[in-house]
């Protein structure tokens, strides 16, 4: 932990490794996440593709962790963040986009109304170049 505090450029990759390990070995993450909460807020402002890719993986792994903890609303929040990031990253993350979509669909019943609206907005954004009428009467009949 001290290494990550002393080397901020290693914070995101280091936290990603910690989250992956915690998810795999059922290690509690709350203390680690709390101690870096302020720095983690800055992750969403990354623009460099390598950092955005790390942040995508970080959010995805956090979602898997929270699913195992049965904190589905929190997990789905990270899945939504992952979906937005994978769409931003483009075709090289198409497989990850599909995995995030599958997870959201499996746990859709646990999503809040706001999360469901965000999900639909993300999916409509993916189809932004298509000529599709998304008015409610048309979209519901499809």
Foldseek 3Di string as FASTA:
>chain_A
DVVCVVPVVCVLVVLLVVLLVCLVPVNDCPVVCVVCVVVLVCLVVDDPLVSLVSLLSSLQSVLSSVVVVVVNQSSLVSLLVNLVSLVVNPDVCPVVNVVSVVVCVVCVVVYDPVSVVSVVVSVVVSVVVPPDDPDPVVVVVD
